Amino acid sequence: MVFTTAGGLSSYTRDVSYCILLFMMEYDYLENLPEVILKPKKEDPLRGGHPWIFSKALASSPSCKPGTLVKVKDSQGRFVGLGSFHPGNSIRVRIFTRVPEPIDLSFFTRKIEELYNTKRNFLPPDTSGFRIVHGDADSLPGLVVDIYDRTLVFQITTAGMEIYRPLILKALVNLFNPEAVVERSDLESRKEEGLQPLPVKVHYGIIATPVIFREAGVSLLADPLGGQKTGFFLDQRELREIIREYSKDKQVLNLFSYTGAFSVAAALGGALKVTSVDTSQTALSWIDKLLTQNGITASEEKYPKICSDVFSFLSQESKDPGKYDLIICDPPAFAKKVAHKEEASKAYIRLNRLALSTLKRGAIFITSSCSGIFTSQDFQDLIRIAAGQSKRELVLLKSLVQPFDHTVSFGFPEGGYLKTFVGYVRGVLPE
């Protein structure tokens, strides 16, 4: 039974008609997409949360250009997801969604809002800088979005996500009403997708660098226009807390210090002295700003800054061990491809051997790797070798991985890249 009003169709009829229209539009949308058919059982990882479909898992695939949105079906013809297709890569499909839905503005708006609301629930109090979108692990393959207070920075690294830049930008502006939105797609890794690195671009608003944001009550600085990554290393938030906890009354050495966030954490923790070493004089110049911003007098005697190659610096320091009670060693990735793993392994061993050789019994050693091709066990094995070569018995105090906002899914362990070990030098063998 349908009730009508003087104005025509009832609201019930209008709602039903609208739902039918949406269904038909969605049906047509899906029907017109190219199809990928999987081999038997190859849908299981996908249903468990893995976002990649490799070439060997495909029974059939379309002839289409990189980045084309495709419909994925299992060997029985059942729908299992939508994703971007790349005919030239071993990762043939990167999954956007496991339900039949249009990839449109509402999709990006909903996904980004859900991620933002979920992740901020797990942040420490008084924190305004974190990662909203972490690429494939957050089912937005090839997209990273970081927030620094009211400034947003995004990166696009895949052909499939490149198509949606206007929708991403609109979703970010609509959701957050930011002061600025910056794109940092100036990445060499884009070439693997057939894309070129792009110049840094302010898409929306006005930005004055550095950008001030908060992390667990600490005032920090990001450089979205010229800094590393999106302007700051947000993924080491939890380590900064540990450094602050362990630094009281210690002589601290911060290697690869960059702009000094670890140095400030050590200073706030009550370190007697914090020495920062980096090859960039520009990065080192930010340290005094950070100290002052957090109410610490920027004394060169107490907080010296040394512009030097870390390997060269350690080679000299290891000749006279015992100056430091705590060393932080967080280098850039030594290798991003498996082909370079052996060479990188040697570099990690040498670096950690030199650093450990400067320490006496009772010191604390903190070491990290952000090379995704090394598992946690791989890295632990390298540290074990370095400890043996330096004649240091190293005991594990804590181990860390990347924080929650840099998502690691149980269904996608490949998404884990950051490994950190906090060790205690329990013994030193005589030379």
Protein backbone atom coordinates (compact mmCIF):
# COMPACT_ATOMS: atom_id res chain seq x y z
CA MET A 1 0.00 0.00 0.00
CA VAL A 2 1.32 3.44 -0.99
CA PHE A 3 0.13 6.62 0.71
CA THR A 4 0.24 9.81 -1.31
CA THR A 5 0.12 13.42 -0.26
CA ALA A 6 -0.98 16.55 -2.00
CA GLY A 7 2.62 17.05 -3.09
CA GLY A 8 2.75 13.73 -4.98
CA LEU A 9 4.67 10.61 -3.93
CA SER A 10 4.95 9.75 -0.25
CA SER A 11 8.34 9.99 1.48
CA TYR A 12 8.36 6.19 1.74
CA THR A 13 8.00 5.84 -2.04
CA ARG A 14 10.66 8.47 -2.67
CA ASP A 15 13.12 6.70 -0.33
CA VAL A 16 12.53 3.31 -1.95
CA SER A 17 12.87 4.81 -5.43
CA TYR A 18 16.10 6.51 -4.43
CA CYS A 19 17.54 3.26 -3.02
CA ILE A 20 16.63 1.40 -6.22
CA LEU A 21 18.29 4.14 -8.28
CA LEU A 22 21.46 3.95 -6.19
CA PHE A 23 21.54 0.17 -6.50
CA MET A 24 21.16 0.38 -10.28
CA MET A 25 23.89 3.03 -10.53
CA GLU A 26 26.24 0.94 -8.39
CA TYR A 27 25.40 -2.20 -10.35
CA ASP A 28 26.18 -0.44 -13.64
CA TYR A 29 29.36 1.01 -12.12
CA LEU A 30 30.62 -2.42 -11.09
CA GLU A 31 29.48 -4.16 -14.28
CA ASN A 32 31.49 -1.76 -16.41
CA LEU A 33 34.76 -2.38 -14.56
CA PRO A 34 37.41 -4.73 -16.00
CA GLU A 35 37.65 -8.06 -14.18
CA VAL A 36 40.48 -9.96 -12.55
CA ILE A 37 39.90 -13.65 -11.81
CA LEU A 38 41.93 -15.38 -9.11
CA LYS A 39 43.23 -18.91 -9.04
CA PRO A 40 41.62 -21.28 -6.49
CA LYS A 41 42.30 -20.40 -2.82
CA LYS A 42 44.14 -17.20 -3.73
CA GLU A 43 41.35 -15.10 -2.23
CA ASP A 44 42.12 -16.33 1.32
CA PRO A 45 44.95 -13.84 2.07
CA LEU A 46 42.80 -11.06 0.65
CA ARG A 47 39.92 -11.91 2.97
CA GLY A 48 42.37 -12.01 5.87
CA GLY A 49 43.39 -8.40 5.29
CA HIS A 50 46.26 -8.62 2.81
CA PRO A 51 45.99 -5.70 0.35
CA TRP A 52 48.12 -7.09 -2.49
CA ILE A 53 47.39 -9.58 -5.27
CA PHE A 54 50.50 -10.86 -7.03
CA SER A 55 50.76 -11.79 -10.68
CA LYS A 56 51.09 -15.52 -9.92
CA ALA A 57 47.71 -15.48 -8.15
CA LEU A 58 45.81 -14.46 -11.30
CA ALA A 59 43.94 -16.89 -13.52
CA SER A 60 43.04 -14.08 -15.93
CA SER A 61 43.43 -10.33 -16.12
CA PRO A 62 42.37 -7.52 -18.45
CA SER A 63 44.46 -5.52 -20.87
CA CYS A 64 44.40 -2.05 -19.37
CA LYS A 65 46.71 0.78 -18.40
CA PRO A 66 48.42 1.17 -15.01
CA GLY A 67 46.14 2.47 -12.28
CA THR A 68 42.89 1.18 -13.79
CA LEU A 69 40.28 0.26 -11.20
CA VAL A 70 39.34 -3.42 -11.53
CA LYS A 71 36.81 -5.79 -10.03
CA VAL A 72 38.35 -8.89 -8.42
CA LYS A 73 36.54 -12.24 -8.37
CA ASP A 74 37.54 -15.60 -6.93
CA SER A 75 37.76 -18.80 -8.99
CA GLN A 76 34.02 -19.35 -8.47
CA GLY A 77 33.14 -15.94 -9.87
CA ARG A 78 32.30 -14.37 -6.49
CA PHE A 79 33.17 -10.73 -5.82
CA VAL A 80 36.11 -10.27 -3.42
CA GLY A 81 37.21 -6.67 -3.91
CA LEU A 82 38.01 -3.58 -5.94
CA GLY A 83 41.55 -2.44 -6.55
CA SER A 84 43.98 -0.65 -8.82
CA PHE A 85 45.65 -2.73 -11.53
CA HIS A 86 49.22 -2.47 -12.78
CA PRO A 87 50.17 -4.78 -15.68
CA GLY A 88 53.92 -4.20 -15.28
CA ASN A 89 54.39 -4.90 -11.56
CA SER A 90 54.58 -8.15 -9.62
CA ILE A 91 51.92 -6.60 -7.36
CA ARG A 92 49.17 -6.63 -9.98
CA VAL A 93 46.30 -5.39 -7.82
CA ARG A 94 46.23 -3.17 -4.73
CA ILE A 95 42.93 -3.43 -2.89
CA PHE A 96 40.80 -0.40 -2.02
CA THR A 97 37.75 -2.16 -0.64
CA ARG A 98 36.33 -5.64 -0.11
CA VAL A 99 32.72 -4.58 -0.60
CA PRO A 100 31.06 -3.42 -3.87
CA GLU A 101 31.06 0.38 -3.61
CA PRO A 102 32.04 3.30 -5.84
CA ILE A 103 35.50 4.81 -5.26
CA ASP A 104 34.33 8.40 -5.13
CA LEU A 105 34.45 11.48 -2.90
CA SER A 106 32.20 9.93 -0.27
CA PHE A 107 34.45 6.85 -0.18
CA PHE A 108 37.59 8.90 0.55
CA THR A 109 35.77 11.17 2.99
CA ARG A 110 34.38 8.24 4.97
CA LYS A 111 37.64 6.27 5.00
CA ILE A 112 39.83 9.21 6.07
CA GLU A 113 37.37 10.31 8.74
CA GLU A 114 37.15 6.78 10.18
CA LEU A 115 40.92 6.46 10.31
CA TYR A 116 41.32 9.86 11.95
CA ASN A 117 38.72 9.17 14.62
CA THR A 118 40.11 5.71 15.37
CA LYS A 119 43.78 6.66 15.55
CA ARG A 120 43.41 9.74 17.72
CA ASN A 121 41.85 7.53 20.42
CA PHE A 122 45.20 5.77 20.84
CA LEU A 123 47.43 8.85 21.00
CA PRO A 124 49.01 10.18 24.18
CA PRO A 125 47.34 13.28 25.64
CA ASP A 126 48.26 16.68 24.21
CA THR A 127 49.27 15.32 20.79
CA SER A 128 48.41 17.10 17.53
CA GLY A 129 50.78 15.41 15.10
CA PHE A 130 50.25 11.86 13.80
CA ARG A 131 49.65 9.75 10.70
CA ILE A 132 46.04 9.59 9.54
CA VAL A 133 46.49 7.36 6.47
CA HIS A 134 49.23 4.73 6.15
CA GLY A 135 48.86 3.52 2.59
CA ASP A 136 48.11 -0.12 1.76
CA ALA A 137 47.80 -1.14 5.42
CA ASP A 138 44.87 1.30 5.75
CA SER A 139 43.25 0.15 2.47
CA LEU A 140 44.19 3.37 0.73
CA PRO A 141 47.11 2.02 -1.31
CA GLY A 142 49.72 4.54 -2.32
CA LEU A 143 48.38 7.31 -0.05
CA VAL A 144 49.97 8.75 3.09
CA VAL A 145 48.37 11.59 5.04
CA ASP A 146 50.04 13.18 8.08
CA ILE A 147 48.65 15.95 10.24
CA TYR A 148 50.73 18.58 12.04
CA ASP A 149 48.24 20.53 14.11
CA ARG A 150 46.24 22.31 11.36
CA THR A 151 48.58 21.52 8.47
CA LEU A 152 48.03 18.38 6.38
CA VAL A 153 50.70 16.74 4.25
CA PHE A 154 49.95 13.94 1.80
CA GLN A 155 51.95 11.72 -0.54
CA ILE A 156 50.84 9.71 -3.56
CA THR A 157 53.10 6.87 -4.69
CA THR A 158 51.02 4.63 -6.99
CA ALA A 159 49.41 4.97 -10.40
CA GLY A 160 46.11 3.78 -8.94
CA MET A 161 45.99 6.58 -6.36
CA GLU A 162 47.31 9.26 -8.75
CA ILE A 163 43.92 9.31 -10.47
CA TYR A 164 42.14 10.37 -7.28
CA ARG A 165 44.24 13.39 -6.26
CA PRO A 166 41.36 15.91 -6.70
CA LEU A 167 39.03 13.77 -4.56
CA ILE A 168 41.68 13.33 -1.87
CA LEU A 169 42.34 17.05 -1.70
CA LYS A 170 38.64 17.88 -1.51
CA ALA A 171 38.05 15.29 1.21
CA LEU A 172 40.91 16.66 3.31
CA VAL A 173 39.74 20.25 3.02
CA ASN A 174 36.12 19.36 3.76
CA LEU A 175 36.95 17.19 6.76
CA PHE A 176 39.60 19.27 8.53
CA ASN A 177 39.25 22.89 7.38
CA PRO A 178 43.07 23.09 7.56
CA GLU A 179 45.37 26.06 7.39
CA ALA A 180 47.29 24.36 4.58
CA VAL A 181 47.43 21.15 2.55
CA VAL A 182 50.85 20.24 1.14
CA GLU A 183 51.72 17.45 -1.28
CA ARG A 184 55.08 15.72 -0.85
CA SER A 185 55.06 13.32 -3.80
CA ASP A 186 58.72 14.13 -4.43
CA LEU A 187 59.66 10.47 -4.12
CA GLU A 188 61.94 8.37 -6.32
CA SER A 189 59.78 5.34 -5.50
CA ARG A 190 57.09 6.74 -7.82
CA LYS A 191 59.25 5.65 -10.77
CA GLU A 192 58.47 2.01 -9.96
CA GLU A 193 54.86 2.82 -10.86
CA GLY A 194 55.78 4.64 -14.05
CA LEU A 195 55.35 8.03 -12.35
CA GLN A 196 57.83 10.87 -11.93
CA PRO A 197 58.66 12.58 -8.63
CA LEU A 198 56.68 15.81 -8.36
CA PRO A 199 57.75 19.20 -7.00
CA VAL A 200 56.53 19.99 -3.49
CA LYS A 201 53.22 21.81 -3.82
CA VAL A 202 50.93 23.76 -1.49
CA HIS A 203 47.50 22.82 -2.82
CA TYR A 204 45.47 24.78 -0.29
CA GLY A 205 45.96 27.63 2.16
CA ILE A 206 49.16 29.28 3.29
CA ILE A 207 52.03 27.66 5.17
CA ALA A 208 54.82 29.27 7.16
CA THR A 209 57.55 26.81 8.13
CA PRO A 210 58.43 25.48 10.56
CA VAL A 211 55.04 24.17 11.65
CA ILE A 212 54.63 23.80 15.41
CA PHE A 213 52.75 20.77 16.74
CA ARG A 214 52.46 18.87 20.01
CA GLU A 215 53.47 15.35 20.98
CA ALA A 216 52.71 14.10 24.50
CA GLY A 217 53.00 17.65 25.79
CA VAL A 218 56.27 18.38 23.98
CA SER A 219 56.44 21.17 21.41
CA LEU A 220 57.97 19.94 18.13
CA LEU A 221 58.69 21.36 14.67
CA ALA A 222 57.92 19.96 11.23
CA ASP A 223 59.15 21.19 7.86
CA PRO A 224 56.51 20.04 5.34
CA LEU A 225 58.13 21.91 2.46
CA GLY A 226 61.71 20.73 2.77
CA GLY A 227 62.09 18.20 5.58
CA GLN A 228 62.53 14.44 5.49
CA LYS A 229 59.46 12.28 4.78
CA THR A 230 56.45 14.58 5.21
CA GLY A 231 58.45 16.99 7.38
CA PHE A 232 59.11 14.96 10.53
CA PHE A 233 59.67 11.40 11.78
CA LEU A 234 56.30 10.79 13.39
CA ASP A 235 56.91 7.04 13.59
CA GLN A 236 59.40 7.36 16.49
CA ARG A 237 56.92 8.91 18.94
CA GLU A 238 57.09 5.98 21.38
CA LEU A 239 60.89 5.93 21.35
CA ARG A 240 61.00 9.61 22.28
CA GLU A 241 59.02 8.75 25.40
CA ILE A 242 61.48 5.97 26.29
CA ILE A 243 64.48 8.25 25.74
CA ARG A 244 62.94 10.81 28.06
CA GLU A 245 62.41 8.09 30.67
CA TYR A 246 65.99 6.74 30.46
CA SER A 247 68.06 9.93 30.14
CA LYS A 248 68.17 11.31 33.68
CA ASP A 249 71.72 12.23 34.78
CA LYS A 250 73.25 10.63 31.67
CA GLN A 251 75.72 11.72 29.01
CA VAL A 252 73.69 11.15 25.82
CA LEU A 253 74.90 10.80 22.23
CA ASN A 254 72.27 11.22 19.49
CA LEU A 255 73.54 9.90 16.14
CA PHE A 256 71.81 10.86 12.87
CA SER A 257 70.13 13.49 15.03
CA TYR A 258 68.40 15.35 12.19
CA THR A 259 66.50 18.28 13.79
CA GLY A 260 67.01 16.95 17.30
CA ALA A 261 63.68 15.57 18.54
CA PHE A 262 65.51 12.75 20.37
CA SER A 263 67.96 15.31 21.78
CA VAL A 264 65.13 17.40 23.19
CA ALA A 265 63.51 14.27 24.66
CA ALA A 266 66.79 13.47 26.43
CA ALA A 267 67.12 17.06 27.66
CA LEU A 268 63.56 17.03 29.01
CA GLY A 269 64.38 13.75 30.74
CA GLY A 270 67.16 15.38 32.72
CA ALA A 271 70.29 14.42 30.74
CA LEU A 272 73.52 15.98 31.97
CA LYS A 273 74.71 16.52 28.41
CA VAL A 274 73.32 15.74 24.95
CA THR A 275 75.62 15.60 21.93
CA SER A 276 73.91 15.64 18.52
CA VAL A 277 75.67 14.41 15.37
CA ASP A 278 74.38 14.82 11.81
CA THR A 279 75.75 15.56 8.34
CA SER A 280 73.29 18.44 7.82
CA GLN A 281 74.20 21.75 9.40
CA THR A 282 70.74 23.04 8.49
CA ALA A 283 69.06 20.23 10.45
CA LEU A 284 71.37 20.80 13.44
CA SER A 285 70.43 24.49 13.47
CA TRP A 286 66.88 23.54 14.44
CA ILE A 287 67.94 21.97 17.73
CA ASP A 288 68.37 25.23 19.63
CA LYS A 289 64.91 26.33 18.43
CA LEU A 290 63.40 23.13 19.77
CA LEU A 291 65.18 23.41 23.11
CA THR A 292 64.11 27.03 23.58
CA GLN A 293 60.56 26.22 22.53
CA ASN A 294 60.38 23.69 25.35
CA GLY A 295 61.77 26.01 28.03
CA ILE A 296 65.36 24.73 27.93
CA THR A 297 68.32 27.10 27.73
CA ALA A 298 70.19 26.26 24.51
CA SER A 299 73.77 26.04 25.78
CA GLU A 300 76.42 24.82 23.34
CA GLU A 301 78.42 23.42 26.25
CA LYS A 302 75.52 21.28 27.48
CA TYR A 303 73.95 20.58 24.06
CA PRO A 304 76.81 20.48 21.53
CA LYS A 305 76.06 19.94 17.84
CA ILE A 306 78.60 18.22 15.60
CA CYS A 307 78.30 18.31 11.82
CA SER A 308 80.02 15.11 10.75
CA ASP A 309 79.67 11.78 9.00
CA VAL A 310 78.55 9.42 11.76
CA PHE A 311 80.88 6.58 10.74
CA SER A 312 83.89 8.91 10.82
CA PHE A 313 82.82 10.39 14.13
CA LEU A 314 82.38 6.97 15.76
CA SER A 315 85.71 5.73 14.42
CA GLN A 316 87.40 8.42 16.52
CA GLU A 317 85.14 8.11 19.56
CA SER A 318 85.55 4.33 19.80
CA LYS A 319 89.30 4.84 20.49
CA ASP A 320 88.39 6.40 23.84
CA PRO A 321 85.29 4.57 25.14
CA GLY A 322 83.25 5.56 28.13
CA LYS A 323 82.22 9.15 27.36
CA TYR A 324 78.55 8.30 26.93
CA ASP A 325 75.99 6.59 29.14
CA LEU A 326 73.32 6.37 26.45
CA ILE A 327 73.64 6.24 22.66
CA ILE A 328 70.78 6.64 20.20
CA CYS A 329 71.44 5.24 16.73
CA ASP A 330 68.59 5.79 14.26
CA PRO A 331 70.02 5.93 10.73
CA PRO A 332 68.12 6.37 7.45
CA ALA A 333 67.21 3.18 5.58
CA PHE A 334 70.39 1.55 4.31
CA ALA A 335 68.46 -0.49 1.72
CA LYS A 336 64.97 -0.49 0.25
CA LYS A 337 65.41 -3.35 -2.18
CA VAL A 338 66.32 -6.99 -1.54
CA ALA A 339 69.16 -6.69 -4.06
CA HIS A 340 70.95 -4.34 -1.64
CA LYS A 341 70.32 -6.37 1.51
CA GLU A 342 73.79 -7.90 1.84
CA GLU A 343 75.53 -4.55 1.46
CA ALA A 344 73.14 -2.96 3.95
CA SER A 345 73.72 -5.79 6.44
CA LYS A 346 77.44 -5.02 6.45
CA ALA A 347 76.71 -1.32 7.01
CA TYR A 348 74.38 -2.03 9.94
CA ILE A 349 76.95 -4.33 11.55
CA ARG A 350 79.75 -1.80 11.15
CA LEU A 351 77.66 1.10 12.45
CA ASN A 352 76.41 -0.75 15.52
CA ARG A 353 79.85 -2.25 16.23
CA LEU A 354 81.41 1.23 16.23
CA ALA A 355 78.65 2.65 18.43
CA LEU A 356 78.83 -0.22 20.93
CA SER A 357 82.62 0.09 21.06
CA THR A 358 82.26 3.54 22.60
CA LEU A 359 80.23 2.20 25.54
CA LYS A 360 81.33 0.81 28.89
CA ARG A 361 79.55 -1.61 31.18
CA GLY A 362 76.19 -0.27 32.42
CA ALA A 363 75.48 1.95 29.42
CA ILE A 364 72.25 1.92 27.41
CA PHE A 365 72.26 1.41 23.65
CA ILE A 366 69.24 2.27 21.47
CA THR A 367 69.36 1.20 17.84
CA SER A 368 66.77 1.31 15.05
CA SER A 369 66.27 0.21 11.47
CA CYS A 370 63.59 1.52 9.13
CA SER A 371 64.62 -0.78 6.25
CA GLY A 372 61.49 -2.78 5.48
CA ILE A 373 63.42 -5.61 3.82
CA PHE A 374 64.85 -6.55 7.24
CA THR A 375 62.58 -8.37 9.67
CA SER A 376 62.90 -7.83 13.41
CA GLN A 377 64.77 -11.12 13.64
CA ASP A 378 67.09 -10.10 10.79
CA PHE A 379 67.97 -6.90 12.60
CA GLN A 380 68.43 -8.64 15.94
CA ASP A 381 70.86 -11.05 14.27
CA LEU A 382 72.88 -8.10 12.93
CA ILE A 383 73.02 -6.49 16.38
CA ARG A 384 74.13 -9.81 17.87
CA ILE A 385 77.04 -9.91 15.41
CA ALA A 386 77.93 -6.27 16.11
CA ALA A 387 77.88 -6.92 19.86
CA GLY A 388 80.19 -9.90 19.42
CA GLN A 389 82.63 -7.94 17.29
CA SER A 390 82.70 -5.09 19.84
CA LYS A 391 83.07 -7.57 22.75
CA ARG A 392 79.95 -6.23 24.43
CA GLU A 393 77.35 -8.40 26.12
CA LEU A 394 74.09 -6.67 25.26
CA VAL A 395 70.86 -7.46 27.12
CA LEU A 396 67.49 -6.50 25.65
CA LEU A 397 65.46 -4.07 27.75
CA LYS A 398 62.71 -3.19 25.30
CA SER A 399 61.81 -3.70 21.66
CA LEU A 400 59.55 -1.43 19.65
CA VAL A 401 57.83 -1.45 16.27
CA GLN A 402 56.10 1.41 14.50
CA PRO A 403 53.21 2.96 16.46
CA PHE A 404 49.51 2.30 15.89
CA ASP A 405 48.99 5.23 13.52
CA HIS A 406 51.61 3.67 11.18
CA THR A 407 49.35 0.66 10.81
CA VAL A 408 50.59 -2.92 10.88
CA SER A 409 47.82 -5.41 10.07
CA PHE A 410 48.07 -9.05 11.13
CA GLY A 411 46.98 -9.87 7.61
CA PHE A 412 49.76 -7.73 6.10
CA PRO A 413 53.01 -8.23 8.02
CA GLU A 414 54.96 -6.80 5.07
CA GLY A 415 53.67 -3.41 6.16
CA GLY A 416 55.96 -3.47 9.19
CA TYR A 417 59.24 -1.66 8.63
CA LEU A 418 60.45 -0.04 11.87
CA LYS A 419 62.44 -2.03 14.43
CA THR A 420 64.01 -0.60 17.58
CA PHE A 421 65.96 -2.36 20.31
CA VAL A 422 66.82 -0.82 23.67
CA GLY A 423 69.78 -2.69 25.14
CA TYR A 424 71.85 -2.66 28.32
CA VAL A 425 75.60 -3.30 28.17
CA ARG A 426 75.94 -5.95 30.87
CA GLY A 427 79.57 -6.79 30.23
CA VAL A 428 82.67 -5.78 28.29
CA LEU A 429 85.45 -8.25 27.50
CA PRO A 430 89.03 -6.99 27.77
CA GLU A 431 90.94 -6.19 24.58
